[in-house]
Amino acid sequence: MKYILFDERKTYNASISALLSDFGYVEALKDKYISVLGREPSSREFLSVDVGSTNDDMYLGIGWYNSENEYRWAGKRASVIFKVANIRDFNLVFTTEGFHAEQKMKRYMNENNIAEIRTPLKRKTFILPVNRKFMKKGINTIHFISDYAYKPSKVVQGSADARELSKKFYIISLEDSLP
């Protein structure tokens, strides 16, 4: 259950109470002036991130740079989160390309090292299996860890870009694994 503490002494309490009610919050506890409103979390799954879209930052963790139209650059370490309601086998599908040099990239699911791939310099889509034993109900975190990150200002003539770039991502999703 998710809870919100609500002080009824405030002048705007009626409108806030009505708004929270519209979002499914109900009174769980009440003291003289203070109410605790709660609601059950949604069972809706979040299994895809269109990296570079306007709301992608809701699902991105550490290691990301600003959106650049249809992609984002990531540093040496980057993470993304998904919400899973039913534990099952998945395929991790992502489109990426490396920066400056092809290199190894490790993939972790909930802190378990589950695969290592080579990130090419040209755009490529990967489809990698994720066994249900690495999944949990609720929030799951995938980390992408590369061996290196490079500053464009050091490897591209005339560049003033001081970011440390490793790879760019276009889409990252968990898709049901077909038997």
N, C-alpha and C. Protein backbone atom coordinates (compact mmCIF):
# COMPACT_ATOMS: atom_id res chain seq x y z
N MET A 1 0.85 -1.17 0.00
CA MET A 1 0.00 0.00 0.00
C MET A 1 0.90 1.23 0.00
N LYS A 2 0.52 2.24 -0.74
CA LYS A 2 1.24 3.51 -0.79
C LYS A 2 0.46 4.52 0.03
N TYR A 3 1.16 5.32 0.87
CA TYR A 3 0.50 6.22 1.80
C TYR A 3 0.91 7.68 1.59
N ILE A 4 -0.03 8.58 1.92
CA ILE A 4 0.21 10.02 1.93
C ILE A 4 -0.31 10.55 3.26
N LEU A 5 0.49 11.37 3.92
CA LEU A 5 0.08 12.03 5.15
C LEU A 5 -0.63 13.33 4.78
N PHE A 6 -1.79 13.57 5.35
CA PHE A 6 -2.64 14.67 4.93
C PHE A 6 -3.08 15.48 6.16
N ASP A 7 -2.79 16.78 6.17
CA ASP A 7 -3.13 17.68 7.29
C ASP A 7 -4.41 18.43 6.94
N GLU A 8 -5.51 18.13 7.66
CA GLU A 8 -6.81 18.72 7.35
C GLU A 8 -6.96 20.17 7.81
N ARG A 9 -5.99 20.70 8.53
CA ARG A 9 -6.08 22.09 8.99
C ARG A 9 -5.76 23.10 7.89
N LYS A 10 -5.24 22.65 6.81
CA LYS A 10 -4.88 23.55 5.71
C LYS A 10 -6.14 23.99 4.96
N THR A 11 -6.12 25.20 4.45
CA THR A 11 -7.31 25.77 3.80
C THR A 11 -7.66 25.07 2.48
N TYR A 12 -6.70 24.45 1.86
CA TYR A 12 -6.93 23.82 0.57
C TYR A 12 -7.26 22.32 0.70
N ASN A 13 -7.58 21.88 1.90
CA ASN A 13 -7.74 20.45 2.15
C ASN A 13 -8.86 19.79 1.34
N ALA A 14 -9.97 20.48 1.14
CA ALA A 14 -11.09 19.85 0.42
C ALA A 14 -10.71 19.54 -1.03
N SER A 15 -10.05 20.47 -1.71
CA SER A 15 -9.70 20.23 -3.11
C SER A 15 -8.62 19.16 -3.23
N ILE A 16 -7.66 19.15 -2.32
CA ILE A 16 -6.62 18.11 -2.37
C ILE A 16 -7.21 16.75 -2.05
N SER A 17 -8.09 16.70 -1.06
CA SER A 17 -8.74 15.45 -0.70
C SER A 17 -9.52 14.88 -1.89
N ALA A 18 -10.24 15.73 -2.59
CA ALA A 18 -11.02 15.29 -3.76
C ALA A 18 -10.08 14.79 -4.87
N LEU A 19 -8.99 15.50 -5.08
CA LEU A 19 -8.03 15.10 -6.11
C LEU A 19 -7.41 13.74 -5.78
N LEU A 20 -6.99 13.56 -4.53
CA LEU A 20 -6.40 12.30 -4.13
C LEU A 20 -7.41 11.16 -4.23
N SER A 21 -8.66 11.45 -3.93
CA SER A 21 -9.72 10.46 -4.07
C SER A 21 -9.85 10.02 -5.53
N ASP A 22 -9.73 10.97 -6.46
CA ASP A 22 -9.79 10.65 -7.88
C ASP A 22 -8.66 9.69 -8.30
N PHE A 23 -7.55 9.74 -7.57
CA PHE A 23 -6.41 8.86 -7.86
C PHE A 23 -6.47 7.56 -7.08
N GLY A 24 -7.59 7.32 -6.40
CA GLY A 24 -7.78 6.04 -5.71
C GLY A 24 -7.34 5.99 -4.26
N TYR A 25 -6.99 7.13 -3.68
CA TYR A 25 -6.58 7.15 -2.27
C TYR A 25 -7.81 7.14 -1.37
N VAL A 26 -7.74 6.35 -0.31
CA VAL A 26 -8.81 6.29 0.69
C VAL A 26 -8.19 6.48 2.06
N GLU A 27 -8.99 6.92 3.00
CA GLU A 27 -8.49 7.15 4.35
C GLU A 27 -8.15 5.82 5.01
N ALA A 28 -6.90 5.67 5.44
CA ALA A 28 -6.45 4.46 6.10
C ALA A 28 -6.39 4.64 7.61
N LEU A 29 -5.98 5.82 8.07
CA LEU A 29 -5.90 6.16 9.49
C LEU A 29 -6.31 7.61 9.67
N LYS A 30 -6.86 7.93 10.86
CA LYS A 30 -7.22 9.32 11.12
C LYS A 30 -6.97 9.62 12.58
N ASP A 31 -6.33 10.77 12.81
CA ASP A 31 -6.16 11.32 14.14
C ASP A 31 -6.92 12.63 14.14
N LYS A 32 -6.77 13.43 15.14
CA LYS A 32 -7.57 14.66 15.26
C LYS A 32 -7.56 15.49 13.98
N TYR A 33 -6.40 15.88 13.48
CA TYR A 33 -6.30 16.71 12.27
C TYR A 33 -5.57 16.03 11.12
N ILE A 34 -4.94 14.94 11.41
CA ILE A 34 -4.08 14.30 10.41
C ILE A 34 -4.73 13.01 9.93
N SER A 35 -4.73 12.85 8.62
CA SER A 35 -5.21 11.62 8.01
C SER A 35 -4.07 10.98 7.23
N VAL A 36 -4.08 9.68 7.19
CA VAL A 36 -3.17 8.94 6.34
C VAL A 36 -4.03 8.33 5.25
N LEU A 37 -3.76 8.74 4.01
CA LEU A 37 -4.49 8.21 2.87
C LEU A 37 -3.62 7.16 2.19
N GLY A 38 -4.25 6.11 1.73
CA GLY A 38 -3.48 5.04 1.10
C GLY A 38 -4.19 4.51 -0.13
N ARG A 39 -3.40 3.84 -0.96
CA ARG A 39 -3.96 3.14 -2.11
C ARG A 39 -3.03 1.99 -2.48
N GLU A 40 -3.63 0.98 -3.06
CA GLU A 40 -2.85 -0.16 -3.53
C GLU A 40 -2.08 0.24 -4.79
N PRO A 41 -0.83 -0.16 -4.89
CA PRO A 41 -0.08 0.15 -6.11
C PRO A 41 -0.70 -0.53 -7.33
N SER A 42 -0.54 0.08 -8.45
CA SER A 42 -1.05 -0.46 -9.71
C SER A 42 -0.32 -1.75 -10.05
N SER A 43 -1.02 -2.68 -10.63
CA SER A 43 -0.39 -3.93 -11.07
C SER A 43 0.10 -3.82 -12.51
N ARG A 44 -0.01 -2.64 -13.07
CA ARG A 44 0.42 -2.41 -14.46
C ARG A 44 1.93 -2.59 -14.59
N GLU A 45 2.34 -3.26 -15.64
CA GLU A 45 3.76 -3.47 -15.88
C GLU A 45 4.32 -2.35 -16.75
N PHE A 46 5.61 -2.07 -16.56
CA PHE A 46 6.34 -1.11 -17.39
C PHE A 46 7.54 -1.88 -17.94
N LEU A 47 7.46 -2.24 -19.21
CA LEU A 47 8.45 -3.14 -19.78
C LEU A 47 9.21 -2.56 -20.96
N SER A 48 9.00 -1.29 -21.28
CA SER A 48 9.67 -0.73 -22.44
C SER A 48 10.02 0.74 -22.22
N VAL A 49 11.21 1.11 -22.65
CA VAL A 49 11.66 2.50 -22.57
C VAL A 49 12.06 2.94 -23.97
N ASP A 50 11.34 3.92 -24.49
CA ASP A 50 11.69 4.51 -25.77
C ASP A 50 12.71 5.61 -25.45
N VAL A 51 13.98 5.23 -25.44
CA VAL A 51 15.05 6.14 -25.02
C VAL A 51 15.10 7.33 -25.97
N GLY A 52 15.11 8.52 -25.40
CA GLY A 52 15.11 9.74 -26.19
C GLY A 52 13.74 10.38 -26.26
N SER A 53 12.69 9.66 -25.82
CA SER A 53 11.34 10.24 -25.81
C SER A 53 11.21 11.22 -24.64
N THR A 54 10.13 11.96 -24.62
CA THR A 54 9.98 13.02 -23.62
C THR A 54 9.83 12.51 -22.20
N ASN A 55 9.35 11.29 -21.99
CA ASN A 55 9.16 10.82 -20.62
C ASN A 55 10.07 9.65 -20.26
N ASP A 56 11.14 9.44 -21.00
CA ASP A 56 12.01 8.30 -20.74
C ASP A 56 12.73 8.37 -19.40
N ASP A 57 12.92 9.56 -18.86
CA ASP A 57 13.68 9.69 -17.61
C ASP A 57 12.97 9.07 -16.41
N MET A 58 11.68 8.75 -16.54
CA MET A 58 10.97 8.05 -15.46
C MET A 58 11.56 6.66 -15.23
N TYR A 59 12.17 6.08 -16.24
CA TYR A 59 12.63 4.71 -16.18
C TYR A 59 14.16 4.59 -16.19
N LEU A 60 14.84 5.70 -16.38
CA LEU A 60 16.30 5.66 -16.46
C LEU A 60 16.91 5.94 -15.10
N GLY A 61 17.93 5.19 -14.77
CA GLY A 61 18.64 5.37 -13.51
C GLY A 61 19.89 6.21 -13.72
N ILE A 62 21.01 5.69 -13.26
CA ILE A 62 22.28 6.40 -13.34
C ILE A 62 22.88 6.34 -14.74
N GLY A 63 23.77 7.28 -15.02
CA GLY A 63 24.65 7.18 -16.17
C GLY A 63 24.17 7.69 -17.51
N TRP A 64 23.08 8.47 -17.54
CA TRP A 64 22.52 8.93 -18.80
C TRP A 64 22.76 10.41 -19.03
N TYR A 65 22.95 10.78 -20.27
CA TYR A 65 23.05 12.19 -20.66
C TYR A 65 21.71 12.63 -21.25
N ASN A 66 21.58 13.92 -21.52
CA ASN A 66 20.32 14.46 -22.05
C ASN A 66 19.90 13.78 -23.35
N SER A 67 18.60 13.77 -23.55
CA SER A 67 18.02 13.19 -24.75
C SER A 67 18.49 13.94 -25.99
N GLU A 68 18.77 13.19 -27.03
CA GLU A 68 19.16 13.78 -28.32
C GLU A 68 18.24 13.20 -29.39
N ASN A 69 17.03 13.70 -29.44
CA ASN A 69 16.00 13.24 -30.38
C ASN A 69 15.60 11.79 -30.13
N GLU A 70 16.19 10.85 -30.83
CA GLU A 70 15.72 9.47 -30.74
C GLU A 70 16.63 8.56 -29.91
N TYR A 71 17.57 9.11 -29.19
CA TYR A 71 18.48 8.30 -28.38
C TYR A 71 19.03 9.12 -27.22
N ARG A 72 19.79 8.43 -26.36
CA ARG A 72 20.57 9.07 -25.30
C ARG A 72 21.93 8.39 -25.25
N TRP A 73 22.93 9.21 -24.96
CA TRP A 73 24.25 8.67 -24.70
C TRP A 73 24.30 8.20 -23.25
N ALA A 74 25.05 7.14 -23.04
CA ALA A 74 25.29 6.63 -21.69
C ALA A 74 26.79 6.67 -21.42
N GLY A 75 27.13 6.81 -20.16
CA GLY A 75 28.52 6.74 -19.75
C GLY A 75 28.96 5.29 -19.61
N LYS A 76 30.00 5.09 -18.85
CA LYS A 76 30.54 3.75 -18.65
C LYS A 76 29.52 2.83 -17.95
N ARG A 77 28.75 3.41 -17.04
CA ARG A 77 27.71 2.65 -16.31
C ARG A 77 26.38 3.34 -16.50
N ALA A 78 25.35 2.56 -16.83
CA ALA A 78 24.01 3.12 -16.99
C ALA A 78 23.00 2.07 -16.52
N SER A 79 21.86 2.55 -16.01
CA SER A 79 20.84 1.62 -15.55
C SER A 79 19.46 2.06 -16.01
N VAL A 80 18.56 1.09 -16.05
CA VAL A 80 17.17 1.32 -16.43
C VAL A 80 16.32 0.43 -15.53
N ILE A 81 15.09 0.90 -15.23
CA ILE A 81 14.20 0.11 -14.36
C ILE A 81 12.95 -0.31 -15.11
N PHE A 82 12.43 -1.46 -14.72
CA PHE A 82 11.19 -1.99 -15.26
C PHE A 82 10.34 -2.47 -14.09
N LYS A 83 9.04 -2.45 -14.28
CA LYS A 83 8.13 -2.97 -13.27
C LYS A 83 7.49 -4.24 -13.82
N VAL A 84 7.66 -5.33 -13.09
CA VAL A 84 7.16 -6.63 -13.50
C VAL A 84 6.11 -7.10 -12.50
N ALA A 85 4.93 -7.44 -12.98
CA ALA A 85 3.86 -7.92 -12.11
C ALA A 85 3.91 -9.44 -11.96
N ASN A 86 4.23 -10.13 -13.03
CA ASN A 86 4.28 -11.59 -13.02
C ASN A 86 5.66 -12.05 -13.44
N ILE A 87 6.33 -12.76 -12.56
CA ILE A 87 7.68 -13.24 -12.86
C ILE A 87 7.61 -14.31 -13.94
N ARG A 88 8.46 -14.15 -14.96
CA ARG A 88 8.51 -15.09 -16.07
C ARG A 88 9.82 -14.87 -16.82
N ASP A 89 10.08 -15.75 -17.79
CA ASP A 89 11.25 -15.57 -18.64
C ASP A 89 10.99 -14.42 -19.62
N PHE A 90 12.03 -13.64 -19.85
CA PHE A 90 11.94 -12.51 -20.77
C PHE A 90 13.09 -12.57 -21.77
N ASN A 91 12.97 -11.77 -22.79
CA ASN A 91 14.08 -11.39 -23.65
C ASN A 91 14.33 -9.92 -23.41
N LEU A 92 15.57 -9.57 -23.15
CA LEU A 92 15.96 -8.17 -23.07
C LEU A 92 16.31 -7.74 -24.48
N VAL A 93 15.55 -6.77 -24.99
CA VAL A 93 15.76 -6.28 -26.35
C VAL A 93 16.23 -4.84 -26.26
N PHE A 94 17.35 -4.54 -26.87
CA PHE A 94 17.84 -3.16 -26.87
C PHE A 94 18.63 -2.87 -28.13
N THR A 95 18.53 -1.62 -28.55
CA THR A 95 19.27 -1.16 -29.71
C THR A 95 20.30 -0.17 -29.23
N THR A 96 21.55 -0.40 -29.62
CA THR A 96 22.66 0.42 -29.13
C THR A 96 23.74 0.53 -30.19
N GLU A 97 24.65 1.43 -29.98
CA GLU A 97 25.89 1.51 -30.76
C GLU A 97 26.95 2.14 -29.90
N GLY A 98 28.17 1.69 -30.07
CA GLY A 98 29.28 2.17 -29.26
C GLY A 98 29.84 3.48 -29.76
N PHE A 99 30.68 4.07 -28.92
CA PHE A 99 31.36 5.31 -29.29
C PHE A 99 32.86 5.07 -29.32
N HIS A 100 33.51 5.47 -30.36
CA HIS A 100 34.95 5.49 -30.57
C HIS A 100 35.58 4.12 -30.78
N ALA A 101 35.26 3.12 -29.97
CA ALA A 101 35.88 1.81 -30.12
C ALA A 101 34.90 0.72 -29.71
N GLU A 102 34.93 -0.39 -30.43
CA GLU A 102 34.13 -1.54 -30.03
C GLU A 102 34.66 -2.02 -28.68
N GLN A 103 33.76 -2.43 -27.80
CA GLN A 103 34.20 -2.86 -26.48
C GLN A 103 33.20 -3.82 -25.85
N LYS A 104 33.63 -4.44 -24.76
CA LYS A 104 32.75 -5.35 -24.02
C LYS A 104 31.78 -4.54 -23.15
N MET A 105 30.59 -5.10 -22.99
CA MET A 105 29.60 -4.50 -22.10
C MET A 105 28.95 -5.64 -21.31
N LYS A 106 28.99 -5.52 -20.00
CA LYS A 106 28.35 -6.50 -19.14
C LYS A 106 26.92 -6.04 -18.85
N ARG A 107 26.05 -7.01 -18.68
CA ARG A 107 24.65 -6.72 -18.40
C ARG A 107 24.31 -7.40 -17.08
N TYR A 108 23.77 -6.62 -16.16
CA TYR A 108 23.37 -7.11 -14.84
C TYR A 108 21.86 -6.96 -14.69
N MET A 109 21.23 -7.97 -14.13
CA MET A 109 19.80 -7.89 -13.79
C MET A 109 19.72 -8.05 -12.27
N ASN A 110 19.24 -6.99 -11.61
CA ASN A 110 19.11 -7.03 -10.15
C ASN A 110 20.40 -7.50 -9.49
N GLU A 111 21.51 -6.94 -9.91
CA GLU A 111 22.85 -7.17 -9.38
C GLU A 111 23.44 -8.53 -9.72
N ASN A 112 22.82 -9.27 -10.63
CA ASN A 112 23.36 -10.55 -11.09
C ASN A 112 23.93 -10.37 -12.49
N ASN A 113 25.21 -10.69 -12.65
CA ASN A 113 25.85 -10.60 -13.95
C ASN A 113 25.30 -11.73 -14.82
N ILE A 114 24.55 -11.36 -15.85
CA ILE A 114 23.89 -12.40 -16.64
C ILE A 114 24.38 -12.50 -18.08
N ALA A 115 25.18 -11.56 -18.54
CA ALA A 115 25.70 -11.69 -19.91
C ALA A 115 26.77 -10.65 -20.17
N GLU A 116 27.60 -10.96 -21.17
CA GLU A 116 28.59 -10.01 -21.66
C GLU A 116 28.53 -10.04 -23.18
N ILE A 117 28.49 -8.86 -23.78
CA ILE A 117 28.43 -8.76 -25.24
C ILE A 117 29.50 -7.77 -25.70
N ARG A 118 29.68 -7.70 -27.00
CA ARG A 118 30.55 -6.67 -27.60
C ARG A 118 29.65 -5.62 -28.22
N THR A 119 29.89 -4.37 -27.87
CA THR A 119 29.11 -3.27 -28.41
C THR A 119 29.77 -2.78 -29.70
N PRO A 120 29.10 -2.91 -30.84
CA PRO A 120 29.68 -2.48 -32.11
C PRO A 120 29.60 -0.96 -32.28
N LEU A 121 30.34 -0.46 -33.24
CA LEU A 121 30.31 0.97 -33.54
C LEU A 121 29.12 1.34 -34.42
N LYS A 122 28.46 0.35 -34.98
CA LYS A 122 27.27 0.61 -35.78
C LYS A 122 26.05 0.14 -35.01
N ARG A 123 24.95 0.82 -35.24
CA ARG A 123 23.68 0.53 -34.58
C ARG A 123 23.29 -0.95 -34.75
N LYS A 124 22.97 -1.59 -33.61
CA LYS A 124 22.61 -3.01 -33.64
C LYS A 124 21.56 -3.29 -32.56
N THR A 125 20.63 -4.18 -32.88
CA THR A 125 19.63 -4.61 -31.91
C THR A 125 20.03 -5.97 -31.36
N PHE A 126 20.02 -6.07 -30.04
CA PHE A 126 20.34 -7.31 -29.35
C PHE A 126 19.06 -7.89 -28.76
N ILE A 127 18.96 -9.20 -28.78
CA ILE A 127 17.87 -9.91 -28.12
C ILE A 127 18.53 -10.97 -27.24
N LEU A 128 18.48 -10.73 -25.93
CA LEU A 128 19.19 -11.59 -25.00
C LEU A 128 18.23 -12.18 -23.97
N PRO A 129 18.31 -13.48 -23.71
CA PRO A 129 17.38 -14.10 -22.76
C PRO A 129 17.67 -13.67 -21.32
N VAL A 130 16.60 -13.54 -20.55
CA VAL A 130 16.70 -13.27 -19.11
C VAL A 130 15.85 -14.33 -18.40
N ASN A 131 16.50 -15.20 -17.68
CA ASN A 131 15.82 -16.27 -16.97
C ASN A 131 15.00 -15.71 -15.81
N ARG A 132 13.85 -16.28 -15.57
CA ARG A 132 12.95 -15.84 -14.50
C ARG A 132 13.62 -15.83 -13.13
N LYS A 133 14.66 -16.65 -12.92
CA LYS A 133 15.32 -16.69 -11.61
C LYS A 133 16.01 -15.37 -11.27
N PHE A 134 16.26 -14.53 -12.28
CA PHE A 134 16.88 -13.23 -12.04
C PHE A 134 15.85 -12.11 -11.86
N MET A 135 14.58 -12.43 -12.05
CA MET A 135 13.50 -11.44 -11.97
C MET A 135 12.87 -11.45 -10.58
N LYS A 136 12.22 -10.35 -10.24
CA LYS A 136 11.44 -10.29 -9.02
C LYS A 136 10.17 -9.50 -9.30
N LYS A 137 9.17 -9.75 -8.50
CA LYS A 137 7.92 -9.01 -8.65
C LYS A 137 8.17 -7.58 -8.19
N GLY A 138 7.74 -6.62 -9.00
CA GLY A 138 7.95 -5.21 -8.68
C GLY A 138 9.05 -4.62 -9.54
N ILE A 139 9.86 -3.77 -8.93
CA ILE A 139 10.90 -3.04 -9.66
C ILE A 139 12.13 -3.91 -9.89
N ASN A 140 12.57 -3.95 -11.14
CA ASN A 140 13.78 -4.68 -11.55
C ASN A 140 14.72 -3.68 -12.21
N THR A 141 16.00 -3.79 -11.90
CA THR A 141 16.99 -2.87 -12.44
C THR A 141 17.98 -3.61 -13.32
N ILE A 142 18.19 -3.07 -14.50
CA ILE A 142 19.20 -3.60 -15.42
C ILE A 142 20.33 -2.58 -15.48
N HIS A 143 21.56 -3.05 -15.29
CA HIS A 143 22.75 -2.22 -15.43
C HIS A 143 23.52 -2.64 -16.66
N PHE A 144 24.00 -1.67 -17.40
CA PHE A 144 24.88 -1.88 -18.53
C PHE A 144 26.23 -1.28 -18.15
N ILE A 145 27.27 -2.10 -18.09
CA ILE A 145 28.59 -1.61 -17.67
C ILE A 145 29.60 -1.92 -18.75
N SER A 146 30.19 -0.86 -19.29
CA SER A 146 31.19 -0.98 -20.35
C SER A 146 32.59 -0.90 -19.77
N ASP A 147 33.54 -1.38 -20.53
CA ASP A 147 34.93 -1.32 -20.08
C ASP A 147 35.47 0.11 -20.08
N TYR A 148 35.03 0.92 -21.06
CA TYR A 148 35.60 2.26 -21.21
C TYR A 148 34.54 3.30 -21.57
N ALA A 149 34.87 4.54 -21.29
CA ALA A 149 34.11 5.69 -21.79
C ALA A 149 35.15 6.68 -22.30
N TYR A 150 34.78 7.40 -23.36
CA TYR A 150 35.72 8.31 -24.01
C TYR A 150 35.15 9.71 -24.08
N LYS A 151 36.01 10.70 -23.93
CA LYS A 151 35.61 12.10 -24.11
C LYS A 151 35.78 12.45 -25.58
N PRO A 152 34.70 12.90 -26.23
CA PRO A 152 34.85 13.32 -27.63
C PRO A 152 35.95 14.36 -27.82
N SER A 153 36.12 15.25 -26.84
CA SER A 153 37.15 16.28 -26.96
C SER A 153 38.56 15.70 -27.04
N LYS A 154 38.73 14.46 -26.58
CA LYS A 154 40.05 13.81 -26.62
C LYS A 154 40.23 12.91 -27.85
N VAL A 155 39.10 12.46 -28.45
CA VAL A 155 39.24 11.49 -29.54
C VAL A 155 38.66 11.96 -30.88
N VAL A 156 37.95 13.09 -30.89
CA VAL A 156 37.38 13.63 -32.12
C VAL A 156 37.98 15.02 -32.35
N GLN A 157 38.69 15.16 -33.43
CA GLN A 157 39.35 16.42 -33.70
C GLN A 157 38.34 17.57 -33.78
N GLY A 158 38.60 18.64 -33.06
CA GLY A 158 37.76 19.83 -33.08
C GLY A 158 36.56 19.78 -32.14
N SER A 159 36.36 18.68 -31.45
CA SER A 159 35.22 18.57 -30.53
C SER A 159 35.57 19.22 -29.19
N ALA A 160 34.60 19.92 -28.63
CA ALA A 160 34.75 20.50 -27.29
C ALA A 160 33.92 19.74 -26.26
N ASP A 161 33.32 18.64 -26.68
CA ASP A 161 32.44 17.84 -25.83
C ASP A 161 33.26 17.09 -24.79
N ALA A 162 33.05 17.41 -23.51
CA ALA A 162 33.83 16.81 -22.42
C ALA A 162 33.09 15.66 -21.72
N ARG A 163 31.92 15.27 -22.25
CA ARG A 163 31.21 14.14 -21.64
C ARG A 163 32.03 12.86 -21.81
N GLU A 164 31.80 11.91 -20.93
CA GLU A 164 32.44 10.60 -21.06
C GLU A 164 31.41 9.63 -21.62
N LEU A 165 31.56 9.31 -22.90
CA LEU A 165 30.57 8.53 -23.63
C LEU A 165 31.06 7.11 -23.87
N SER A 166 30.14 6.18 -23.76
CA SER A 166 30.46 4.79 -24.02
C SER A 166 29.61 4.23 -25.15
N LYS A 167 28.29 4.47 -25.06
CA LYS A 167 27.36 3.93 -26.04
C LYS A 167 26.11 4.78 -26.07
N LYS A 168 25.35 4.65 -27.15
CA LYS A 168 24.04 5.30 -27.20
C LYS A 168 22.98 4.22 -27.30
N PHE A 169 21.84 4.51 -26.69
CA PHE A 169 20.72 3.58 -26.70
C PHE A 169 19.52 4.23 -27.37
N TYR A 170 18.75 3.41 -28.08
CA TYR A 170 17.55 3.87 -28.77
C TYR A 170 16.28 3.33 -28.11
N ILE A 171 16.28 2.07 -27.78
CA ILE A 171 15.13 1.45 -27.12
C ILE A 171 15.65 0.32 -26.24
N ILE A 172 14.98 0.13 -25.11
CA ILE A 172 15.31 -0.95 -24.20
C ILE A 172 13.98 -1.52 -23.72
N SER A 173 13.80 -2.83 -23.86
CA SER A 173 12.54 -3.42 -23.42
C SER A 173 12.71 -4.85 -22.95
N LEU A 174 11.77 -5.27 -22.14
CA LEU A 174 11.64 -6.67 -21.75
C LEU A 174 10.45 -7.22 -22.52
N GLU A 175 10.65 -8.29 -23.25
CA GLU A 175 9.58 -8.90 -24.03
C GLU A 175 9.42 -10.33 -23.57
N ASP A 176 8.19 -10.82 -23.58
CA ASP A 176 7.94 -12.20 -23.17
C ASP A 176 8.75 -13.14 -24.03
N SER A 177 9.37 -14.10 -23.37
CA SER A 177 10.15 -15.12 -24.05
C SER A 177 9.19 -16.18 -24.57
N LEU A 178 9.27 -16.47 -25.84
CA LEU A 178 8.39 -17.49 -26.43
C LEU A 178 9.00 -18.86 -26.23
N PRO A 179 8.16 -19.84 -25.89
CA PRO A 179 8.70 -21.20 -25.64
C PRO A 179 9.27 -21.84 -26.88
